[in-house]
Every structure is written in structure tokens, then in C-alpha cells.
Amino acid sequence: MKSFIEPIVSQLRGFAGLLLFFLLCQISVTQPALAVLRQHQDEPGIMRYHSQESLRDQSGNAWQVILFKQITPGKPILFNLRLVGFPGKLEFIHPQRLELTTASGQILTAADVYPQGAPASNVGQYNVSDVLAQLPGNHSLTLAVPLKGEQTLSLKIPKSLATEWQWLADEL
């Protein structure tokens, strides 16, 4: 009796694993990436809000894309865009300007926050305070910045994330 049930159980496990694999593939293809909005108090009186999302570049490398809004009493509100890649894969060159290209082809630039070098070679951070208001919130964008080895990081920012950035800039 035991020898009759074992092959059936084994086939059911294989079928269940295959079904789970196909369901996970379907979810990863059809679900848009959801950004995460967070609030953090750096120091007493200094608030920081940020939007964080993981995106892949044209070569399939994963990047964390984080837009920070820092509110310090008595000072202008600061917006910084941080890009973090997998350590050891690609390295930023500092200082380099970040280019933001709108869907209409307008190119805006943002200054490198780390002119002398970042805390880690896989981190780039750019002051987008001046350009954020110029970005269309209901269109996708493309970010580009040179990397070491004559490479260029190019990230497509989906419309939903660009809209969220505008909301973060305008509402909080």
C-alpha cells in the first residue's frame, strides 16, 4: 500500500511546486512595482520623508531609487535622489551630474551631493531640489549618470513613481 501512495504524493508535490512557480511568475509580470513612502525624524525638529523603490537598469541590474525630502525649521526644504546599486557590480564616478529626461525630451540636470566621493562606491546621491518642480508628474522619466568603466546607468522611472515624487514634493 505504501509503495502505491508514494509516487502519487511525489507527483502532487511536483505539480504543486510547478503551479506555485507559474503563479509567482504571473504575479511578478503583472504587478507594478509599489513604492514605499516613509517618515523619519533625523534629529529633533528635522523630519525626512522618502519614497523608495527597486528598479532594474537596461542590463538587468537592481537599483534602489530613493527620493528624500528633508524639512529643517528655518531652512529651505531639500530634495535628494539616492541611487544604490549592488556592491561590487557597478561604481559611480564623483562628481558627475545626473540627467533626468522627460517623456517630451526635456533634459534637466542635478548636482552630485558627493563631490569628493560617496560613503560607498555603489552609491550616488543628487540634489534635485531645483528640478523636481519641473518634472511632469504624470509621465515617465529616464535617469542617466556615467559610471566607472565607460558605462552609463540608465533607469526608466515609471509614471506611477514620478507621480508619487510630485505628491511627496507638493503635499508633505
C-alpha atoms as a PDB file:
ATOM      1  CA  MET A   1       0.000   0.000   0.000  1.00  0.00           C
ATOM      2  CA  LYS A   2       2.803   2.399   0.886  1.00  0.00           C
ATOM      3  CA  SER A   3       4.535   1.914  -2.492  1.00  0.00           C
ATOM      4  CA  PHE A   4       1.281   2.848  -4.315  1.00  0.00           C
ATOM      5  CA  ILE A   5       0.825   6.166  -2.434  1.00  0.00           C
ATOM      6  CA  GLU A   6       4.452   7.405  -2.601  1.00  0.00           C
ATOM      7  CA  PRO A   7       4.507   8.042  -6.384  1.00  0.00           C
ATOM      8  CA  ILE A   8       1.162   9.871  -6.213  1.00  0.00           C
ATOM      9  CA  VAL A   9       2.344  12.097  -3.352  1.00  0.00           C
ATOM     10  CA  SER A  10       5.581  12.782  -5.217  1.00  0.00           C
ATOM     11  CA  GLN A  11       3.675  13.760  -8.373  1.00  0.00           C
ATOM     12  CA  LEU A  12       1.330  16.011  -6.364  1.00  0.00           C
ATOM     13  CA  ARG A  13       4.320  17.778  -4.759  1.00  0.00           C
ATOM     14  CA  GLY A  14       5.891  18.314  -8.170  1.00  0.00           C
ATOM     15  CA  PHE A  15       2.617  19.638  -9.577  1.00  0.00           C
ATOM     16  CA  ALA A  16       2.121  21.962  -6.576  1.00  0.00           C
ATOM     17  CA  GLY A  17       5.678  23.310  -6.939  1.00  0.00           C
ATOM     18  CA  LEU A  18       5.178  23.902 -10.663  1.00  0.00           C
ATOM     19  CA  LEU A  19       1.854  25.638 -10.031  1.00  0.00           C
ATOM     20  CA  LEU A  20       3.433  27.863  -7.371  1.00  0.00           C
ATOM     21  CA  PHE A  21       6.277  28.746  -9.770  1.00  0.00           C
ATOM     22  CA  PHE A  22       3.841  29.779 -12.526  1.00  0.00           C
ATOM     23  CA  LEU A  23       1.746  31.816 -10.079  1.00  0.00           C
ATOM     24  CA  LEU A  24       4.826  33.688  -8.836  1.00  0.00           C
ATOM     25  CA  CYS A  25       5.928  34.370 -12.431  1.00  0.00           C
ATOM     26  CA  GLN A  26       2.477  35.734 -13.248  1.00  0.00           C
ATOM     27  CA  ILE A  27       2.465  37.990 -10.199  1.00  0.00           C
ATOM     28  CA  SER A  28       5.945  39.371 -10.952  1.00  0.00           C
ATOM     29  CA  VAL A  29       4.977  40.130 -14.557  1.00  0.00           C
ATOM     30  CA  THR A  30       1.574  41.703 -13.969  1.00  0.00           C
ATOM     31  CA  GLN A  31       2.059  43.572 -10.687  1.00  0.00           C
ATOM     32  CA  PRO A  32       3.546  47.062 -10.967  1.00  0.00           C
ATOM     33  CA  ALA A  33       6.301  47.897  -8.510  1.00  0.00           C
ATOM     34  CA  LEU A  34       4.939  49.681  -5.492  1.00  0.00           C
ATOM     35  CA  ALA A  35       6.999  52.406  -3.932  1.00  0.00           C
ATOM     36  CA  VAL A  36       7.205  52.829  -0.202  1.00  0.00           C
ATOM     37  CA  LEU A  37       6.681  56.210   1.483  1.00  0.00           C
ATOM     38  CA  ARG A  38       8.317  56.564   4.870  1.00  0.00           C
ATOM     39  CA  GLN A  39       8.718  59.251   7.514  1.00  0.00           C
ATOM     40  CA  HIS A  40      11.776  59.547   9.747  1.00  0.00           C
ATOM     41  CA  GLN A  41      12.973  62.063  12.326  1.00  0.00           C
ATOM     42  CA  ASP A  42      16.742  62.527  11.863  1.00  0.00           C
ATOM     43  CA  GLU A  43      17.199  64.879  14.804  1.00  0.00           C
ATOM     44  CA  PRO A  44      14.755  66.819  16.983  1.00  0.00           C
ATOM     45  CA  GLY A  45      12.884  69.157  14.651  1.00  0.00           C
ATOM     46  CA  ILE A  46      14.335  67.681  11.430  1.00  0.00           C
ATOM     47  CA  MET A  47      11.901  65.498   9.512  1.00  0.00           C
ATOM     48  CA  ARG A  48      12.722  63.401   6.491  1.00  0.00           C
ATOM     49  CA  TYR A  49      10.203  61.772   4.181  1.00  0.00           C
ATOM     50  CA  HIS A  50      11.198  59.434   1.422  1.00  0.00           C
ATOM     51  CA  SER A  51       9.919  57.328  -1.416  1.00  0.00           C
ATOM     52  CA  GLN A  52      11.802  54.107  -2.079  1.00  0.00           C
ATOM     53  CA  GLU A  53      11.536  51.671  -4.948  1.00  0.00           C
ATOM     54  CA  SER A  54      13.669  48.962  -6.513  1.00  0.00           C
ATOM     55  CA  LEU A  55      14.144  49.239 -10.280  1.00  0.00           C
ATOM     56  CA  ARG A  56      16.259  47.436 -12.871  1.00  0.00           C
ATOM     57  CA  ASP A  57      18.522  49.158 -15.364  1.00  0.00           C
ATOM     58  CA  GLN A  58      18.913  48.340 -19.073  1.00  0.00           C
ATOM     59  CA  SER A  59      21.301  45.477 -18.174  1.00  0.00           C
ATOM     60  CA  GLY A  60      19.017  43.941 -15.549  1.00  0.00           C
ATOM     61  CA  ASN A  61      20.954  45.208 -12.504  1.00  0.00           C
ATOM     62  CA  ALA A  62      18.790  46.069  -9.490  1.00  0.00           C
ATOM     63  CA  TRP A  63      18.933  49.583  -8.032  1.00  0.00           C
ATOM     64  CA  GLN A  64      17.301  51.178  -5.006  1.00  0.00           C
ATOM     65  CA  VAL A  65      15.872  54.557  -6.016  1.00  0.00           C
ATOM     66  CA  ILE A  66      15.160  56.766  -3.010  1.00  0.00           C
ATOM     67  CA  LEU A  67      13.836  60.327  -3.090  1.00  0.00           C
ATOM     68  CA  PHE A  68      14.349  62.182   0.211  1.00  0.00           C
ATOM     69  CA  LYS A  69      12.508  65.279   1.369  1.00  0.00           C
ATOM     70  CA  GLN A  70      14.218  66.881   4.373  1.00  0.00           C
ATOM     71  CA  ILE A  71      12.444  69.575   6.375  1.00  0.00           C
ATOM     72  CA  THR A  72      14.596  71.586   8.774  1.00  0.00           C
ATOM     73  CA  PRO A  73      12.984  74.543  10.580  1.00  0.00           C
ATOM     74  CA  GLY A  74      14.287  77.853   9.233  1.00  0.00           C
ATOM     75  CA  LYS A  75      15.970  76.284   6.183  1.00  0.00           C
ATOM     76  CA  PRO A  76      14.813  75.549   2.624  1.00  0.00           C
ATOM     77  CA  ILE A  77      13.331  72.113   2.039  1.00  0.00           C
ATOM     78  CA  LEU A  78      15.909  69.799   0.464  1.00  0.00           C
ATOM     79  CA  PHE A  79      15.233  67.024  -2.042  1.00  0.00           C
ATOM     80  CA  ASN A  80      17.910  64.424  -2.763  1.00  0.00           C
ATOM     81  CA  LEU A  81      17.717  61.413  -5.038  1.00  0.00           C
ATOM     82  CA  ARG A  82      19.874  58.478  -3.943  1.00  0.00           C
ATOM     83  CA  LEU A  83      20.728  55.593  -6.259  1.00  0.00           C
ATOM     84  CA  VAL A  84      22.179  52.443  -4.694  1.00  0.00           C
ATOM     85  CA  GLY A  85      23.422  49.510  -6.725  1.00  0.00           C
ATOM     86  CA  PHE A  86      24.624  46.077  -5.711  1.00  0.00           C
ATOM     87  CA  PRO A  87      28.095  46.407  -4.105  1.00  0.00           C
ATOM     88  CA  GLY A  88      30.966  45.431  -6.380  1.00  0.00           C
ATOM     89  CA  LYS A  89      28.910  45.384  -9.590  1.00  0.00           C
ATOM     90  CA  LEU A  90      28.996  48.995 -10.793  1.00  0.00           C
ATOM     91  CA  GLU A  91      30.665  52.105  -9.387  1.00  0.00           C
ATOM     92  CA  PHE A  92      29.762  55.779  -9.576  1.00  0.00           C
ATOM     93  CA  ILE A  93      32.227  58.460 -10.669  1.00  0.00           C
ATOM     94  CA  HIS A  94      32.183  61.542  -8.440  1.00  0.00           C
ATOM     95  CA  PRO A  95      31.406  64.304  -9.098  1.00  0.00           C
ATOM     96  CA  GLN A  96      29.038  63.728 -12.035  1.00  0.00           C
ATOM     97  CA  ARG A  97      25.712  65.358 -12.805  1.00  0.00           C
ATOM     98  CA  LEU A  98      22.553  63.288 -13.030  1.00  0.00           C
ATOM     99  CA  GLU A  99      20.471  63.802 -16.171  1.00  0.00           C
ATOM    100  CA  LEU A 100      16.705  63.489 -15.960  1.00  0.00           C
ATOM    101  CA  THR A 101      14.973  63.218 -19.334  1.00  0.00           C
ATOM    102  CA  THR A 102      11.225  63.778 -19.516  1.00  0.00           C
ATOM    103  CA  ALA A 103       8.902  61.951 -21.907  1.00  0.00           C
ATOM    104  CA  SER A 104       8.878  65.090 -24.094  1.00  0.00           C
ATOM    105  CA  GLY A 105      12.693  65.015 -24.366  1.00  0.00           C
ATOM    106  CA  GLN A 106      13.470  67.864 -21.953  1.00  0.00           C
ATOM    107  CA  ILE A 107      16.792  67.246 -20.168  1.00  0.00           C
ATOM    108  CA  LEU A 108      17.231  68.512 -16.602  1.00  0.00           C
ATOM    109  CA  THR A 109      20.367  68.068 -14.505  1.00  0.00           C
ATOM    110  CA  ALA A 110      21.013  67.620 -10.795  1.00  0.00           C
ATOM    111  CA  ALA A 111      24.292  68.174  -8.948  1.00  0.00           C
ATOM    112  CA  ASP A 112      26.216  65.367  -7.268  1.00  0.00           C
ATOM    113  CA  VAL A 113      25.904  65.575  -3.464  1.00  0.00           C
ATOM    114  CA  TYR A 114      29.200  63.681  -3.056  1.00  0.00           C
ATOM    115  CA  PRO A 115      31.773  65.789  -4.935  1.00  0.00           C
ATOM    116  CA  GLN A 116      34.677  64.142  -3.078  1.00  0.00           C
ATOM    117  CA  GLY A 117      33.303  60.607  -3.211  1.00  0.00           C
ATOM    118  CA  ALA A 118      30.388  58.735  -1.708  1.00  0.00           C
ATOM    119  CA  PRO A 119      30.386  56.695   1.504  1.00  0.00           C
ATOM    120  CA  ALA A 120      30.407  53.643  -0.802  1.00  0.00           C
ATOM    121  CA  SER A 121      31.318  53.300  -4.495  1.00  0.00           C
ATOM    122  CA  ASN A 122      27.887  51.867  -5.362  1.00  0.00           C
ATOM    123  CA  VAL A 123      26.040  54.966  -4.045  1.00  0.00           C
ATOM    124  CA  GLY A 124      25.190  58.135  -5.923  1.00  0.00           C
ATOM    125  CA  GLN A 125      23.159  60.999  -4.488  1.00  0.00           C
ATOM    126  CA  TYR A 126      21.935  64.086  -6.325  1.00  0.00           C
ATOM    127  CA  ASN A 127      20.324  67.362  -5.274  1.00  0.00           C
ATOM    128  CA  VAL A 128      17.027  67.500  -7.193  1.00  0.00           C
ATOM    129  CA  SER A 129      15.560  70.429  -5.219  1.00  0.00           C
ATOM    130  CA  ASP A 130      15.683  72.786  -8.224  1.00  0.00           C
ATOM    131  CA  VAL A 131      14.448  70.337 -10.861  1.00  0.00           C
ATOM    132  CA  LEU A 132      11.718  68.430  -9.035  1.00  0.00           C
ATOM    133  CA  ALA A 133       9.079  71.102  -9.667  1.00  0.00           C
ATOM    134  CA  GLN A 134       9.907  70.980 -13.404  1.00  0.00           C
ATOM    135  CA  LEU A 135       9.287  67.241 -13.711  1.00  0.00           C
ATOM    136  CA  PRO A 136       5.928  66.247 -15.148  1.00  0.00           C
ATOM    137  CA  GLY A 137       4.182  64.114 -12.552  1.00  0.00           C
ATOM    138  CA  ASN A 138       2.064  62.116 -14.963  1.00  0.00           C
ATOM    139  CA  HIS A 139       4.782  60.929 -17.352  1.00  0.00           C
ATOM    140  CA  SER A 140       7.668  58.510 -17.126  1.00  0.00           C
ATOM    141  CA  LEU A 141      11.265  59.734 -16.882  1.00  0.00           C
ATOM    142  CA  THR A 142      14.707  58.402 -17.646  1.00  0.00           C
ATOM    143  CA  LEU A 143      17.637  58.949 -15.295  1.00  0.00           C
ATOM    144  CA  ALA A 144      21.188  58.731 -16.612  1.00  0.00           C
ATOM    145  CA  VAL A 145      24.595  59.112 -14.960  1.00  0.00           C
ATOM    146  CA  PRO A 146      28.077  57.969 -16.018  1.00  0.00           C
ATOM    147  CA  LEU A 147      29.628  55.036 -14.173  1.00  0.00           C
ATOM    148  CA  LYS A 148      33.197  53.746 -13.991  1.00  0.00           C
ATOM    149  CA  GLY A 149      34.381  51.653 -16.906  1.00  0.00           C
ATOM    150  CA  GLU A 150      32.805  53.923 -19.530  1.00  0.00           C
ATOM    151  CA  GLN A 151      29.343  52.674 -18.607  1.00  0.00           C
ATOM    152  CA  THR A 152      26.187  54.717 -18.137  1.00  0.00           C
ATOM    153  CA  LEU A 153      23.441  53.955 -15.681  1.00  0.00           C
ATOM    154  CA  SER A 154      20.077  54.437 -17.359  1.00  0.00           C
ATOM    155  CA  LEU A 155      16.950  53.910 -15.284  1.00  0.00           C
ATOM    156  CA  LYS A 156      13.390  54.263 -16.511  1.00  0.00           C
ATOM    157  CA  ILE A 157      11.210  55.852 -13.836  1.00  0.00           C
ATOM    158  CA  PRO A 158       7.618  54.689 -14.316  1.00  0.00           C
ATOM    159  CA  LYS A 159       4.776  57.173 -14.448  1.00  0.00           C
ATOM    160  CA  SER A 160       3.447  55.953 -11.090  1.00  0.00           C
ATOM    161  CA  LEU A 161       6.743  56.718  -9.328  1.00  0.00           C
ATOM    162  CA  ALA A 162       7.083  60.146 -10.993  1.00  0.00           C
ATOM    163  CA  THR A 163       3.551  60.935  -9.797  1.00  0.00           C
ATOM    164  CA  GLU A 164       4.462  59.826  -6.285  1.00  0.00           C
ATOM    165  CA  TRP A 165       7.525  62.087  -6.330  1.00  0.00           C
ATOM    166  CA  GLN A 166       5.334  65.040  -7.242  1.00  0.00           C
ATOM    167  CA  TRP A 167       2.959  64.163  -4.429  1.00  0.00           C
ATOM    168  CA  LEU A 168       5.877  63.962  -1.991  1.00  0.00           C
ATOM    169  CA  ALA A 169       7.163  67.347  -3.208  1.00  0.00           C
ATOM    170  CA  ASP A 170       3.794  69.090  -3.106  1.00  0.00           C
ATOM    171  CA  GLU A 171       1.906  67.592  -0.203  1.00  0.00           C
ATOM    172  CA  LEU A 172       4.205  66.781   2.686  1.00  0.00           C
END
